[in-house]
Amino acid sequence: MKLNSGQFIPETKKTNKESFEDHLKKGFENVNNLQLRAEREVQKLVTGDVDDISQVVTAVAEAEIALRLFVEVRDKLVDAYQQLSRIPV
């Protein structure tokens, strides 16, 4: 009886898991969309198209918080990379 060399190797299943890069891209896109929304709301305020100023304040606050969070994540990633690069091989 001959055995095929790959006979007992389990097949790898393709998963739909997102990579770390995909998560970062989504995060960046979300932050960018919030910034654009805030900018549109401010433009509406300037032109007088806003009935409720709380919409503008909320949009700007959400954009600011999202940007601060994304900057913190970036800083942590840079710090982690620098620490890893200092490890002697």
Foldseek 3Di string as FASTA:
>chain_A
DDDDPCPPPDDDDDDPDDDPVVVLVVLVVVLVVLVVVLVVLVVCVVVVNDPDCVVNVVSVVVSVVSVVVNVVVVVVVVVVVVVVVPDDD
